[in-house]
């Protein structure tokens, strides 16, 4: 049993390292973009450590520079509203103590959630979440620091194709879960609603949460 755990953890660590490399590069791009936009270095580093919201940070920098800090906060809350169902899905995977749940909620990302839910409920899922959560947090913040130091040399992640690394990694992690008919139906419904809502800007991201509601209805009925 312990050998199986070690094998599973090593696999998670390998997969996290692959996505973490992309996150390191994108974090460096964020640090460079933020400093180039006029955000102080300390504020850029603090945002990555305290806010830790990935793509929402790029958007927030643009809004803050444009003189709309309130819009940046509201847009960030809107884009990250998906973390509510993430928390419900993870449940006890964060731990039983309050500090574990608080810290775990800060480390919760799309990738860490996917890594955790790809494992059966129990100790394996908890280890997968914490391995992914901690390592990806370190990768993002290390990248931000490198970007701040490098200035504009980090460039645009989209030009290097790095912006596609995260959805590709998530798709690979979630594919095994789609073998279940109900899960597949809910996922396709959520994806269709999200695509249909692209013209609505950030609001479109919330449309996919309807899929969660459908899943709950199916379970209740």
N, C-alpha and C. Protein backbone atom coordinates (compact mmCIF):
# COMPACT_ATOMS: atom_id res chain seq x y z
N UNK A 1 0.83 -1.21 0.00
CA UNK A 1 0.00 0.00 0.00
C UNK A 1 0.86 1.25 0.00
N UNK A 2 1.90 1.26 0.84
CA UNK A 2 2.79 2.43 0.89
C UNK A 2 3.49 2.62 -0.45
N UNK A 3 3.85 1.49 -1.10
CA UNK A 3 4.50 1.60 -2.41
C UNK A 3 3.56 2.25 -3.41
N UNK A 4 2.27 1.89 -3.35
CA UNK A 4 1.29 2.49 -4.25
C UNK A 4 1.15 3.98 -3.99
N UNK A 5 1.15 4.36 -2.71
CA UNK A 5 1.07 5.78 -2.36
C UNK A 5 2.27 6.54 -2.91
N UNK A 6 3.46 5.96 -2.72
CA UNK A 6 4.67 6.64 -3.19
C UNK A 6 4.67 6.77 -4.71
N UNK A 7 4.20 5.71 -5.40
CA UNK A 7 4.12 5.77 -6.85
C UNK A 7 3.15 6.84 -7.30
N UNK A 8 1.98 6.90 -6.64
CA UNK A 8 0.99 7.91 -6.98
C UNK A 8 1.50 9.32 -6.72
N UNK A 9 2.17 9.52 -5.59
CA UNK A 9 2.71 10.84 -5.27
C UNK A 9 3.79 11.25 -6.25
N UNK A 10 4.62 10.28 -6.66
CA UNK A 10 5.67 10.59 -7.64
C UNK A 10 5.06 11.00 -8.97
N UNK A 11 3.94 10.35 -9.34
CA UNK A 11 3.27 10.71 -10.59
C UNK A 11 2.68 12.11 -10.51
N UNK A 12 2.07 12.43 -9.36
CA UNK A 12 1.52 13.77 -9.17
C UNK A 12 2.63 14.81 -9.22
N UNK A 13 3.75 14.51 -8.56
CA UNK A 13 4.87 15.43 -8.53
C UNK A 13 5.41 15.69 -9.93
N UNK A 14 5.49 14.65 -10.74
CA UNK A 14 5.97 14.79 -12.12
C UNK A 14 5.02 15.66 -12.93
N UNK A 15 3.72 15.41 -12.80
CA UNK A 15 2.74 16.18 -13.56
C UNK A 15 2.69 17.63 -13.10
N UNK A 16 2.80 17.83 -11.78
CA UNK A 16 2.80 19.20 -11.24
C UNK A 16 4.02 19.95 -11.75
N UNK A 17 5.16 19.27 -11.81
CA UNK A 17 6.39 19.93 -12.28
C UNK A 17 6.23 20.41 -13.72
N UNK A 18 5.51 19.62 -14.54
CA UNK A 18 5.32 20.02 -15.95
C UNK A 18 4.48 21.29 -16.04
N UNK A 19 3.39 21.34 -15.29
CA UNK A 19 2.54 22.54 -15.31
C UNK A 19 3.22 23.67 -14.57
N UNK A 20 3.98 23.33 -13.52
CA UNK A 20 4.67 24.36 -12.75
C UNK A 20 5.70 25.11 -13.59
N UNK A 21 6.32 24.41 -14.54
CA UNK A 21 7.29 25.08 -15.42
C UNK A 21 6.61 26.16 -16.25
N UNK A 22 5.42 25.84 -16.76
CA UNK A 22 4.67 26.85 -17.52
C UNK A 22 4.22 27.98 -16.61
N UNK A 23 3.81 27.63 -15.38
CA UNK A 23 3.36 28.66 -14.45
C UNK A 23 4.51 29.58 -14.06
N UNK A 24 5.71 29.03 -13.96
CA UNK A 24 6.89 29.84 -13.67
C UNK A 24 7.10 30.89 -14.75
N UNK A 25 6.97 30.47 -16.01
CA UNK A 25 7.17 31.39 -17.13
C UNK A 25 6.07 32.45 -17.20
N UNK A 26 4.82 32.03 -16.98
CA UNK A 26 3.72 32.99 -17.03
C UNK A 26 3.81 33.95 -15.85
N UNK A 27 4.23 33.44 -14.69
CA UNK A 27 4.43 34.32 -13.54
C UNK A 27 5.49 35.35 -13.80
N UNK A 28 6.55 34.94 -14.50
CA UNK A 28 7.61 35.89 -14.87
C UNK A 28 7.05 36.96 -15.80
N UNK A 29 6.19 36.53 -16.71
CA UNK A 29 5.57 37.49 -17.62
C UNK A 29 4.71 38.48 -16.85
N UNK A 30 3.97 37.98 -15.87
CA UNK A 30 3.14 38.88 -15.06
C UNK A 30 4.00 39.90 -14.33
N UNK A 31 5.09 39.44 -13.70
CA UNK A 31 5.95 40.36 -12.98
C UNK A 31 6.51 41.44 -13.89
N UNK A 32 6.91 41.05 -15.10
CA UNK A 32 7.46 42.02 -16.04
C UNK A 32 6.40 42.99 -16.52
N UNK A 33 5.20 42.47 -16.84
CA UNK A 33 4.11 43.32 -17.33
C UNK A 33 3.67 44.31 -16.26
N UNK A 34 3.56 43.84 -15.02
CA UNK A 34 3.11 44.70 -13.93
C UNK A 34 4.08 45.84 -13.68
N UNK A 35 5.38 45.53 -13.64
CA UNK A 35 6.39 46.56 -13.41
C UNK A 35 6.43 47.53 -14.58
N UNK A 36 6.32 47.01 -15.81
CA UNK A 36 6.33 47.87 -16.98
C UNK A 36 5.12 48.79 -17.02
N UNK A 37 4.01 48.34 -16.42
CA UNK A 37 2.80 49.15 -16.39
C UNK A 37 2.84 50.23 -15.30
N UNK A 38 3.88 50.18 -14.47
CA UNK A 38 4.03 51.20 -13.44
C UNK A 38 3.71 50.75 -12.04
N UNK A 39 3.38 49.47 -11.86
CA UNK A 39 3.09 48.96 -10.52
C UNK A 39 4.41 48.78 -9.77
N UNK A 40 4.51 49.25 -8.53
CA UNK A 40 5.76 49.07 -7.78
C UNK A 40 6.12 47.60 -7.62
N UNK A 41 7.41 47.33 -7.53
CA UNK A 41 7.86 45.94 -7.40
C UNK A 41 7.26 45.27 -6.17
N UNK A 42 7.22 45.99 -5.04
CA UNK A 42 6.69 45.38 -3.82
C UNK A 42 5.21 45.05 -3.97
N UNK A 43 4.45 45.90 -4.67
CA UNK A 43 3.03 45.65 -4.87
C UNK A 43 2.81 44.45 -5.80
N UNK A 44 3.68 44.32 -6.80
CA UNK A 44 3.59 43.19 -7.72
C UNK A 44 3.84 41.88 -6.98
N UNK A 45 4.87 41.86 -6.16
CA UNK A 45 5.19 40.65 -5.39
C UNK A 45 4.09 40.35 -4.37
N UNK A 46 3.57 41.40 -3.74
CA UNK A 46 2.51 41.21 -2.74
C UNK A 46 1.24 40.67 -3.39
N UNK A 47 0.94 41.15 -4.60
CA UNK A 47 -0.27 40.67 -5.28
C UNK A 47 -0.18 39.18 -5.56
N UNK A 48 0.98 38.72 -6.02
CA UNK A 48 1.12 37.30 -6.32
C UNK A 48 1.05 36.45 -5.06
N UNK A 49 1.57 36.98 -3.95
CA UNK A 49 1.58 36.20 -2.71
C UNK A 49 0.23 36.24 -2.00
N UNK A 50 -0.41 37.40 -1.99
CA UNK A 50 -1.64 37.57 -1.20
C UNK A 50 -2.90 37.29 -2.02
N UNK A 51 -2.91 37.79 -3.26
CA UNK A 51 -4.09 37.58 -4.11
C UNK A 51 -4.01 36.21 -4.78
N UNK A 52 -2.90 35.94 -5.44
CA UNK A 52 -2.63 34.64 -6.08
C UNK A 52 -3.82 34.20 -6.95
N UNK A 53 -4.06 34.97 -8.01
CA UNK A 53 -5.24 34.71 -8.83
C UNK A 53 -4.91 34.51 -10.30
N UNK A 54 -3.65 34.27 -10.63
CA UNK A 54 -3.30 33.93 -12.00
C UNK A 54 -3.71 34.97 -13.02
N UNK A 55 -4.53 34.53 -13.99
CA UNK A 55 -4.96 35.41 -15.07
C UNK A 55 -5.69 36.64 -14.59
N UNK A 56 -6.39 36.53 -13.47
CA UNK A 56 -7.11 37.69 -12.93
C UNK A 56 -6.14 38.81 -12.54
N UNK A 57 -4.90 38.45 -12.23
CA UNK A 57 -3.91 39.46 -11.86
C UNK A 57 -3.52 40.31 -13.07
N UNK A 58 -3.42 39.68 -14.24
CA UNK A 58 -3.13 40.45 -15.46
C UNK A 58 -4.23 41.47 -15.70
N UNK A 59 -5.47 41.02 -15.57
CA UNK A 59 -6.60 41.91 -15.77
C UNK A 59 -6.62 43.02 -14.74
N UNK A 60 -6.31 42.68 -13.49
CA UNK A 60 -6.34 43.67 -12.41
C UNK A 60 -5.30 44.76 -12.64
N UNK A 61 -4.13 44.38 -13.13
CA UNK A 61 -3.08 45.37 -13.39
C UNK A 61 -3.57 46.37 -14.42
N UNK A 62 -4.18 45.88 -15.49
CA UNK A 62 -4.69 46.77 -16.53
C UNK A 62 -5.74 47.73 -16.00
N UNK A 63 -6.63 47.24 -15.15
CA UNK A 63 -7.69 48.08 -14.61
C UNK A 63 -7.15 49.09 -13.60
N UNK A 64 -6.18 48.66 -12.79
CA UNK A 64 -5.59 49.57 -11.82
C UNK A 64 -4.85 50.70 -12.53
N UNK A 65 -4.07 50.35 -13.55
CA UNK A 65 -3.34 51.35 -14.31
C UNK A 65 -4.30 52.31 -15.00
N UNK A 66 -5.47 51.78 -15.42
CA UNK A 66 -6.47 52.62 -16.08
C UNK A 66 -7.23 53.50 -15.10
N UNK A 67 -6.92 53.34 -13.81
CA UNK A 67 -7.58 54.17 -12.80
C UNK A 67 -8.88 53.61 -12.29
N UNK A 68 -9.06 52.27 -12.38
CA UNK A 68 -10.30 51.65 -11.92
C UNK A 68 -10.00 50.53 -10.92
N UNK A 69 -9.45 50.85 -9.74
CA UNK A 69 -9.13 49.81 -8.77
C UNK A 69 -10.36 49.05 -8.28
N UNK A 70 -11.49 49.75 -8.13
CA UNK A 70 -12.71 49.08 -7.68
C UNK A 70 -13.17 48.06 -8.72
N UNK A 71 -13.07 48.44 -9.99
CA UNK A 71 -13.43 47.50 -11.06
C UNK A 71 -12.51 46.29 -11.05
N UNK A 72 -11.24 46.50 -10.69
CA UNK A 72 -10.29 45.39 -10.62
C UNK A 72 -10.71 44.40 -9.54
N UNK A 73 -11.14 44.92 -8.40
CA UNK A 73 -11.57 44.06 -7.30
C UNK A 73 -12.82 43.28 -7.68
N UNK A 74 -13.80 43.98 -8.25
CA UNK A 74 -15.06 43.33 -8.62
C UNK A 74 -14.85 42.29 -9.71
N UNK A 75 -14.02 42.63 -10.70
CA UNK A 75 -13.75 41.68 -11.78
C UNK A 75 -13.02 40.45 -11.25
N UNK A 76 -12.08 40.66 -10.32
CA UNK A 76 -11.37 39.54 -9.72
C UNK A 76 -12.30 38.61 -8.96
N UNK A 77 -13.23 39.20 -8.20
CA UNK A 77 -14.22 38.39 -7.47
C UNK A 77 -15.11 37.61 -8.43
N UNK A 78 -15.47 38.24 -9.52
CA UNK A 78 -16.33 37.60 -10.51
C UNK A 78 -15.62 36.42 -11.16
N UNK A 79 -14.39 36.65 -11.59
CA UNK A 79 -13.65 35.60 -12.28
C UNK A 79 -13.33 34.42 -11.36
N UNK A 80 -13.16 34.70 -10.08
CA UNK A 80 -12.77 33.63 -9.15
C UNK A 80 -13.93 33.09 -8.34
N UNK A 81 -15.15 33.43 -8.75
CA UNK A 81 -16.33 32.87 -8.08
C UNK A 81 -16.40 31.35 -8.25
N UNK A 82 -15.70 30.82 -9.25
CA UNK A 82 -15.68 29.37 -9.47
C UNK A 82 -15.05 28.62 -8.30
N UNK A 83 -14.33 29.32 -7.44
CA UNK A 83 -13.70 28.65 -6.31
C UNK A 83 -14.72 28.17 -5.28
N UNK A 84 -15.92 28.74 -5.32
CA UNK A 84 -16.96 28.27 -4.39
C UNK A 84 -17.31 26.81 -4.66
N UNK A 85 -17.66 26.42 -5.90
CA UNK A 85 -17.90 24.99 -6.13
C UNK A 85 -16.64 24.14 -5.99
N UNK A 86 -15.46 24.73 -6.25
CA UNK A 86 -14.22 23.98 -6.03
C UNK A 86 -14.13 23.55 -4.56
N UNK A 87 -14.40 24.51 -3.67
CA UNK A 87 -14.34 24.21 -2.24
C UNK A 87 -15.34 23.15 -1.83
N UNK A 88 -16.54 23.22 -2.41
CA UNK A 88 -17.57 22.23 -2.10
C UNK A 88 -17.15 20.85 -2.59
N UNK A 89 -16.51 20.81 -3.76
CA UNK A 89 -16.11 19.52 -4.33
C UNK A 89 -14.95 18.90 -3.56
N UNK A 90 -14.03 19.73 -3.09
CA UNK A 90 -12.86 19.20 -2.39
C UNK A 90 -13.20 18.72 -0.98
N UNK A 91 -14.09 19.47 -0.30
CA UNK A 91 -14.52 19.05 1.03
C UNK A 91 -13.37 18.82 1.98
N UNK A 92 -13.30 17.61 2.53
CA UNK A 92 -12.29 17.30 3.54
C UNK A 92 -10.90 17.11 3.00
N UNK A 93 -10.70 17.24 1.69
CA UNK A 93 -9.36 17.07 1.11
C UNK A 93 -8.39 18.14 1.59
N UNK A 94 -8.91 19.26 2.07
CA UNK A 94 -8.05 20.32 2.57
C UNK A 94 -7.52 20.01 3.97
N UNK A 95 -8.23 19.18 4.70
CA UNK A 95 -7.86 18.88 6.08
C UNK A 95 -9.01 19.18 7.01
N UNK A 96 -8.88 18.75 8.24
CA UNK A 96 -9.97 18.91 9.20
C UNK A 96 -9.81 20.15 10.09
N UNK A 97 -8.60 20.68 10.19
CA UNK A 97 -8.37 21.83 11.07
C UNK A 97 -8.66 23.14 10.33
N UNK A 98 -9.02 24.16 11.10
CA UNK A 98 -9.40 25.44 10.50
C UNK A 98 -8.24 26.06 9.73
N UNK A 99 -7.02 26.01 10.27
CA UNK A 99 -5.90 26.63 9.58
C UNK A 99 -5.59 25.91 8.27
N UNK A 100 -5.83 24.59 8.25
CA UNK A 100 -5.62 23.84 7.02
C UNK A 100 -6.62 24.26 5.94
N UNK A 101 -7.85 24.47 6.35
CA UNK A 101 -8.88 24.88 5.39
C UNK A 101 -8.63 26.30 4.89
N UNK A 102 -8.20 27.18 5.78
CA UNK A 102 -7.92 28.56 5.37
C UNK A 102 -6.72 28.62 4.42
N UNK A 103 -5.64 27.93 4.78
CA UNK A 103 -4.46 27.92 3.92
C UNK A 103 -4.76 27.20 2.61
N UNK A 104 -5.49 26.10 2.70
CA UNK A 104 -5.83 25.36 1.50
C UNK A 104 -6.70 26.16 0.54
N UNK A 105 -7.61 26.96 1.09
CA UNK A 105 -8.46 27.79 0.22
C UNK A 105 -7.65 28.85 -0.50
N UNK A 106 -6.55 29.30 0.12
CA UNK A 106 -5.68 30.27 -0.54
C UNK A 106 -4.87 29.62 -1.65
N UNK A 107 -4.49 28.37 -1.46
CA UNK A 107 -3.69 27.65 -2.46
C UNK A 107 -4.55 27.01 -3.54
N UNK A 108 -5.86 27.13 -3.43
CA UNK A 108 -6.78 26.46 -4.35
C UNK A 108 -6.74 27.13 -5.73
N UNK A 109 -6.40 26.37 -6.73
CA UNK A 109 -6.41 26.84 -8.12
C UNK A 109 -7.11 25.79 -8.97
N UNK A 110 -7.35 26.12 -10.22
CA UNK A 110 -7.94 25.14 -11.13
C UNK A 110 -7.09 23.88 -11.18
N UNK A 111 -5.77 24.08 -11.30
CA UNK A 111 -4.87 22.95 -11.45
C UNK A 111 -4.80 22.09 -10.19
N UNK A 112 -4.67 22.72 -9.03
CA UNK A 112 -4.59 21.96 -7.78
C UNK A 112 -5.89 21.20 -7.55
N UNK A 113 -7.02 21.81 -7.87
CA UNK A 113 -8.31 21.14 -7.72
C UNK A 113 -8.40 19.94 -8.64
N UNK A 114 -7.96 20.11 -9.89
CA UNK A 114 -8.00 19.00 -10.85
C UNK A 114 -7.09 17.85 -10.42
N UNK A 115 -5.90 18.18 -9.93
CA UNK A 115 -4.99 17.14 -9.45
C UNK A 115 -5.63 16.37 -8.30
N UNK A 116 -6.30 17.08 -7.39
CA UNK A 116 -6.91 16.43 -6.23
C UNK A 116 -8.08 15.55 -6.63
N UNK A 117 -8.97 16.08 -7.47
CA UNK A 117 -10.18 15.34 -7.83
C UNK A 117 -9.88 14.17 -8.76
N UNK A 118 -8.68 14.15 -9.34
CA UNK A 118 -8.29 13.02 -10.18
C UNK A 118 -7.93 11.79 -9.34
N UNK A 119 -7.82 11.99 -8.03
CA UNK A 119 -7.49 10.89 -7.11
C UNK A 119 -8.73 10.51 -6.31
N UNK A 120 -8.85 9.24 -5.88
CA UNK A 120 -9.99 8.84 -5.05
C UNK A 120 -10.00 9.60 -3.73
N UNK A 121 -11.19 9.81 -3.18
CA UNK A 121 -11.32 10.51 -1.90
C UNK A 121 -10.53 9.78 -0.83
N UNK A 122 -9.86 10.55 0.03
CA UNK A 122 -9.07 9.96 1.10
C UNK A 122 -7.70 10.60 1.19
N UNK A 123 -6.77 9.93 1.85
CA UNK A 123 -5.43 10.50 2.03
C UNK A 123 -4.72 10.81 0.71
N UNK A 124 -4.94 9.99 -0.32
CA UNK A 124 -4.29 10.23 -1.60
C UNK A 124 -4.73 11.55 -2.22
N UNK A 125 -6.01 11.85 -2.12
CA UNK A 125 -6.52 13.11 -2.66
C UNK A 125 -5.95 14.28 -1.88
N UNK A 126 -5.86 14.13 -0.56
CA UNK A 126 -5.32 15.22 0.27
C UNK A 126 -3.86 15.50 -0.08
N UNK A 127 -3.07 14.45 -0.23
CA UNK A 127 -1.66 14.65 -0.57
C UNK A 127 -1.51 15.28 -1.95
N UNK A 128 -2.35 14.84 -2.89
CA UNK A 128 -2.27 15.40 -4.24
C UNK A 128 -2.58 16.89 -4.23
N UNK A 129 -3.59 17.28 -3.44
CA UNK A 129 -3.94 18.70 -3.39
C UNK A 129 -2.81 19.52 -2.81
N UNK A 130 -2.26 19.07 -1.70
CA UNK A 130 -1.23 19.86 -1.03
C UNK A 130 0.07 19.89 -1.83
N UNK A 131 0.42 18.80 -2.49
CA UNK A 131 1.60 18.80 -3.35
C UNK A 131 1.43 19.81 -4.48
N UNK A 132 0.29 19.72 -5.14
CA UNK A 132 0.04 20.63 -6.26
C UNK A 132 -0.10 22.07 -5.78
N UNK A 133 -0.86 22.27 -4.70
CA UNK A 133 -1.10 23.61 -4.21
C UNK A 133 0.17 24.34 -3.80
N UNK A 134 1.00 23.69 -3.03
CA UNK A 134 2.22 24.33 -2.54
C UNK A 134 3.23 24.57 -3.67
N UNK A 135 3.45 23.56 -4.50
CA UNK A 135 4.45 23.68 -5.55
C UNK A 135 4.05 24.71 -6.61
N UNK A 136 2.77 24.75 -6.96
CA UNK A 136 2.33 25.73 -7.95
C UNK A 136 2.36 27.15 -7.38
N UNK A 137 2.06 27.29 -6.11
CA UNK A 137 2.16 28.60 -5.46
C UNK A 137 3.60 29.10 -5.49
N UNK A 138 4.53 28.21 -5.18
CA UNK A 138 5.95 28.58 -5.21
C UNK A 138 6.41 28.91 -6.63
N UNK A 139 5.92 28.15 -7.61
CA UNK A 139 6.30 28.39 -9.00
C UNK A 139 5.81 29.76 -9.47
N UNK A 140 4.55 30.10 -9.14
CA UNK A 140 3.99 31.38 -9.56
C UNK A 140 4.74 32.56 -8.93
N UNK A 141 5.00 32.46 -7.65
CA UNK A 141 5.65 33.57 -6.96
C UNK A 141 7.13 33.68 -7.33
N UNK A 142 7.78 32.55 -7.56
CA UNK A 142 9.17 32.60 -8.04
C UNK A 142 9.22 33.25 -9.42
N UNK A 143 8.28 32.86 -10.28
CA UNK A 143 8.22 33.47 -11.60
C UNK A 143 7.97 34.96 -11.55
N UNK A 144 7.07 35.38 -10.64
CA UNK A 144 6.79 36.80 -10.49
C UNK A 144 8.05 37.56 -10.10
N UNK A 145 8.79 37.01 -9.14
CA UNK A 145 10.03 37.66 -8.71
C UNK A 145 11.04 37.76 -9.85
N UNK A 146 11.16 36.69 -10.64
CA UNK A 146 12.08 36.72 -11.78
C UNK A 146 11.64 37.76 -12.80
N UNK A 147 10.33 37.87 -13.01
CA UNK A 147 9.82 38.85 -13.96
C UNK A 147 10.06 40.28 -13.50
N UNK A 148 9.92 40.51 -12.21
CA UNK A 148 10.19 41.84 -11.65
C UNK A 148 11.66 42.20 -11.86
N UNK A 149 12.54 41.23 -11.66
CA UNK A 149 13.97 41.48 -11.83
C UNK A 149 14.35 41.63 -13.30
N UNK A 150 13.68 40.87 -14.16
CA UNK A 150 14.05 40.87 -15.57
C UNK A 150 13.42 42.03 -16.33
N UNK A 151 12.42 42.67 -15.75
CA UNK A 151 11.75 43.76 -16.45
C UNK A 151 10.97 43.26 -17.63
N UNK A 152 11.07 43.88 -18.77
CA UNK A 152 10.30 43.52 -19.94
C UNK A 152 10.87 42.36 -20.72
N UNK A 153 11.94 41.75 -20.26
CA UNK A 153 12.57 40.67 -21.02
C UNK A 153 11.74 39.40 -21.05
N UNK A 154 10.79 39.26 -20.09
CA UNK A 154 10.02 38.02 -20.02
C UNK A 154 9.06 37.87 -21.19
N UNK A 155 8.55 38.97 -21.71
CA UNK A 155 7.70 38.92 -22.89
C UNK A 155 6.27 38.49 -22.61
N UNK A 156 5.55 38.25 -23.69
CA UNK A 156 4.14 37.88 -23.63
C UNK A 156 4.01 36.36 -23.64
N UNK A 157 3.34 35.75 -22.64
CA UNK A 157 3.21 34.29 -22.63
C UNK A 157 2.44 33.76 -23.81
N UNK A 158 1.50 34.55 -24.34
CA UNK A 158 0.73 34.09 -25.49
C UNK A 158 1.61 33.92 -26.72
N UNK A 159 2.63 34.75 -26.85
CA UNK A 159 3.51 34.66 -28.01
C UNK A 159 4.31 33.36 -28.00
N UNK A 160 4.54 32.80 -26.82
CA UNK A 160 5.28 31.55 -26.70
C UNK A 160 4.36 30.34 -26.62
N UNK A 161 3.06 30.57 -26.62
CA UNK A 161 2.12 29.48 -26.52
C UNK A 161 1.92 28.97 -25.11
N UNK A 162 2.47 29.67 -24.12
CA UNK A 162 2.37 29.21 -22.74
C UNK A 162 0.96 29.35 -22.18
N UNK A 163 0.17 30.25 -22.78
CA UNK A 163 -1.19 30.43 -22.30
C UNK A 163 -2.04 29.19 -22.54
N UNK A 164 -1.59 28.33 -23.47
CA UNK A 164 -2.32 27.10 -23.76
C UNK A 164 -1.91 25.95 -22.86
N UNK A 165 -0.84 26.13 -22.08
CA UNK A 165 -0.34 25.03 -21.26
C UNK A 165 -1.33 24.65 -20.16
N UNK A 166 -1.97 25.65 -19.54
CA UNK A 166 -2.86 25.35 -18.42
C UNK A 166 -4.13 24.63 -18.85
N UNK A 167 -4.87 25.14 -19.87
CA UNK A 167 -6.05 24.38 -20.29
C UNK A 167 -5.71 22.99 -20.82
N UNK A 168 -4.55 22.86 -21.48
CA UNK A 168 -4.15 21.54 -21.98
C UNK A 168 -3.88 20.59 -20.82
N UNK A 169 -3.21 21.08 -19.79
CA UNK A 169 -2.94 20.26 -18.62
C UNK A 169 -4.21 19.87 -17.89
N UNK A 170 -5.14 20.82 -17.75
CA UNK A 170 -6.41 20.54 -17.09
C UNK A 170 -7.21 19.50 -17.87
N UNK A 171 -7.22 19.64 -19.19
CA UNK A 171 -7.96 18.69 -20.01
C UNK A 171 -7.42 17.28 -19.83
N UNK A 172 -6.10 17.16 -19.78
CA UNK A 172 -5.48 15.84 -19.59
C UNK A 172 -5.84 15.25 -18.23
N UNK A 173 -5.92 16.11 -17.22
CA UNK A 173 -6.25 15.62 -15.87
C UNK A 173 -7.72 15.22 -15.75
N UNK A 174 -8.59 15.90 -16.47
CA UNK A 174 -10.03 15.69 -16.31
C UNK A 174 -10.59 14.61 -17.23
N UNK A 175 -9.86 14.24 -18.26
CA UNK A 175 -10.37 13.27 -19.22
C UNK A 175 -10.81 11.95 -18.57
N UNK A 176 -10.04 11.38 -17.62
CA UNK A 176 -10.49 10.12 -17.00
C UNK A 176 -11.84 10.23 -16.31
N UNK A 177 -12.17 11.42 -15.76
CA UNK A 177 -13.43 11.60 -15.06
C UNK A 177 -14.62 11.58 -16.02
N UNK A 178 -14.37 11.85 -17.30
CA UNK A 178 -15.45 11.94 -18.27
C UNK A 178 -15.96 10.57 -18.72
N UNK A 179 -15.40 9.49 -18.17
CA UNK A 179 -15.90 8.16 -18.49
C UNK A 179 -17.29 7.93 -17.90
N UNK A 180 -17.59 8.63 -16.81
CA UNK A 180 -18.90 8.54 -16.19
C UNK A 180 -19.91 9.35 -16.99
N UNK A 181 -21.07 8.76 -17.32
CA UNK A 181 -22.03 9.41 -18.19
C UNK A 181 -22.56 10.71 -17.60
N UNK A 182 -22.94 10.70 -16.32
CA UNK A 182 -23.49 11.90 -15.70
C UNK A 182 -22.45 13.02 -15.63
N UNK A 183 -21.21 12.65 -15.29
CA UNK A 183 -20.14 13.65 -15.23
C UNK A 183 -19.90 14.23 -16.62
N UNK A 184 -19.91 13.38 -17.63
CA UNK A 184 -19.70 13.86 -19.00
C UNK A 184 -20.82 14.79 -19.43
N UNK A 185 -22.05 14.46 -19.07
CA UNK A 185 -23.19 15.30 -19.45
C UNK A 185 -23.10 16.68 -18.80
N UNK A 186 -22.76 16.68 -17.50
CA UNK A 186 -22.64 17.96 -16.79
C UNK A 186 -21.48 18.78 -17.34
N UNK A 187 -20.35 18.13 -17.62
CA UNK A 187 -19.18 18.85 -18.14
C UNK A 187 -19.49 19.47 -19.50
N UNK A 188 -20.14 18.72 -20.37
CA UNK A 188 -20.47 19.24 -21.69
C UNK A 188 -21.47 20.39 -21.61
N UNK A 189 -22.42 20.28 -20.68
CA UNK A 189 -23.39 21.36 -20.49
C UNK A 189 -22.70 22.63 -20.01
N UNK A 190 -21.82 22.46 -19.01
CA UNK A 190 -21.09 23.61 -18.48
C UNK A 190 -20.19 24.24 -19.53
N UNK A 191 -19.51 23.40 -20.32
CA UNK A 191 -18.63 23.92 -21.36
C UNK A 191 -19.42 24.66 -22.43
N UNK A 192 -20.58 24.11 -22.81
CA UNK A 192 -21.41 24.77 -23.81
C UNK A 192 -21.92 26.12 -23.33
N UNK A 193 -22.34 26.19 -22.07
CA UNK A 193 -22.82 27.45 -21.52
C UNK A 193 -21.69 28.48 -21.43
N UNK A 194 -20.48 28.01 -21.06
CA UNK A 194 -19.34 28.92 -20.96
C UNK A 194 -18.99 29.51 -22.32
N UNK A 195 -18.99 28.65 -23.36
CA UNK A 195 -18.68 29.12 -24.71
C UNK A 195 -19.76 30.08 -25.19
N UNK A 196 -21.02 29.74 -24.90
CA UNK A 196 -22.13 30.59 -25.33
C UNK A 196 -22.07 31.96 -24.67
N UNK A 197 -21.47 32.02 -23.47
CA UNK A 197 -21.42 33.28 -22.75
C UNK A 197 -20.16 34.09 -22.95
N UNK A 198 -19.32 33.68 -23.91
CA UNK A 198 -18.07 34.40 -24.14
C UNK A 198 -18.30 35.85 -24.52
N UNK A 199 -19.39 36.11 -25.23
CA UNK A 199 -19.67 37.47 -25.66
C UNK A 199 -20.05 38.38 -24.49
N UNK A 200 -20.30 37.77 -23.33
CA UNK A 200 -20.70 38.56 -22.15
C UNK A 200 -19.51 38.93 -21.29
N UNK A 201 -18.30 38.67 -21.75
CA UNK A 201 -17.11 39.00 -20.97
C UNK A 201 -16.96 38.05 -19.79
N UNK A 202 -16.58 38.61 -18.64
CA UNK A 202 -16.33 37.79 -17.45
C UNK A 202 -17.56 37.06 -16.97
N UNK A 203 -18.76 37.59 -17.26
CA UNK A 203 -19.98 36.93 -16.82
C UNK A 203 -20.10 35.55 -17.44
N UNK A 204 -19.55 35.39 -18.64
CA UNK A 204 -19.63 34.11 -19.30
C UNK A 204 -18.99 32.98 -18.51
N UNK A 205 -17.96 33.31 -17.72
CA UNK A 205 -17.29 32.29 -16.92
C UNK A 205 -18.23 31.70 -15.87
N UNK A 206 -19.18 32.49 -15.40
CA UNK A 206 -20.09 32.01 -14.38
C UNK A 206 -21.16 31.09 -14.95
N UNK A 207 -21.39 31.16 -16.27
CA UNK A 207 -22.42 30.33 -16.86
C UNK A 207 -22.12 28.85 -16.66
N UNK A 208 -20.84 28.51 -16.65
CA UNK A 208 -20.48 27.10 -16.51
C UNK A 208 -20.88 26.55 -15.15
N UNK A 209 -21.08 27.43 -14.16
CA UNK A 209 -21.49 26.97 -12.83
C UNK A 209 -22.90 26.39 -12.85
N UNK A 210 -23.67 26.69 -13.88
CA UNK A 210 -24.99 26.09 -14.00
C UNK A 210 -24.86 24.58 -14.07
N UNK A 211 -23.76 24.12 -14.65
CA UNK A 211 -23.53 22.68 -14.72
C UNK A 211 -23.46 22.06 -13.34
N UNK A 212 -22.87 22.78 -12.38
CA UNK A 212 -22.83 22.28 -11.00
C UNK A 212 -24.24 22.16 -10.45
N UNK A 213 -25.07 23.16 -10.72
CA UNK A 213 -26.46 23.09 -10.26
C UNK A 213 -27.19 21.91 -10.83
N UNK A 214 -26.94 21.64 -12.11
CA UNK A 214 -27.56 20.47 -12.73
C UNK A 214 -27.10 19.18 -12.07
N UNK A 215 -25.81 19.12 -11.72
CA UNK A 215 -25.30 17.92 -11.06
C UNK A 215 -25.96 17.71 -9.71
N UNK A 216 -26.15 18.81 -8.97
CA UNK A 216 -26.80 18.71 -7.66
C UNK A 216 -28.25 18.26 -7.80
N UNK A 217 -28.94 18.77 -8.82
CA UNK A 217 -30.33 18.37 -9.05
C UNK A 217 -30.41 16.89 -9.37
N UNK A 218 -29.47 16.41 -10.20
CA UNK A 218 -29.46 15.01 -10.56
C UNK A 218 -29.26 14.13 -9.33
N UNK A 219 -28.34 14.56 -8.44
CA UNK A 219 -28.06 13.77 -7.25
C UNK A 219 -29.24 13.77 -6.29
N UNK A 220 -29.91 14.93 -6.17
CA UNK A 220 -31.02 15.02 -5.24
C UNK A 220 -32.22 14.20 -5.71
N UNK A 221 -32.47 14.24 -7.04
CA UNK A 221 -33.61 13.54 -7.59
C UNK A 221 -33.29 12.08 -7.87
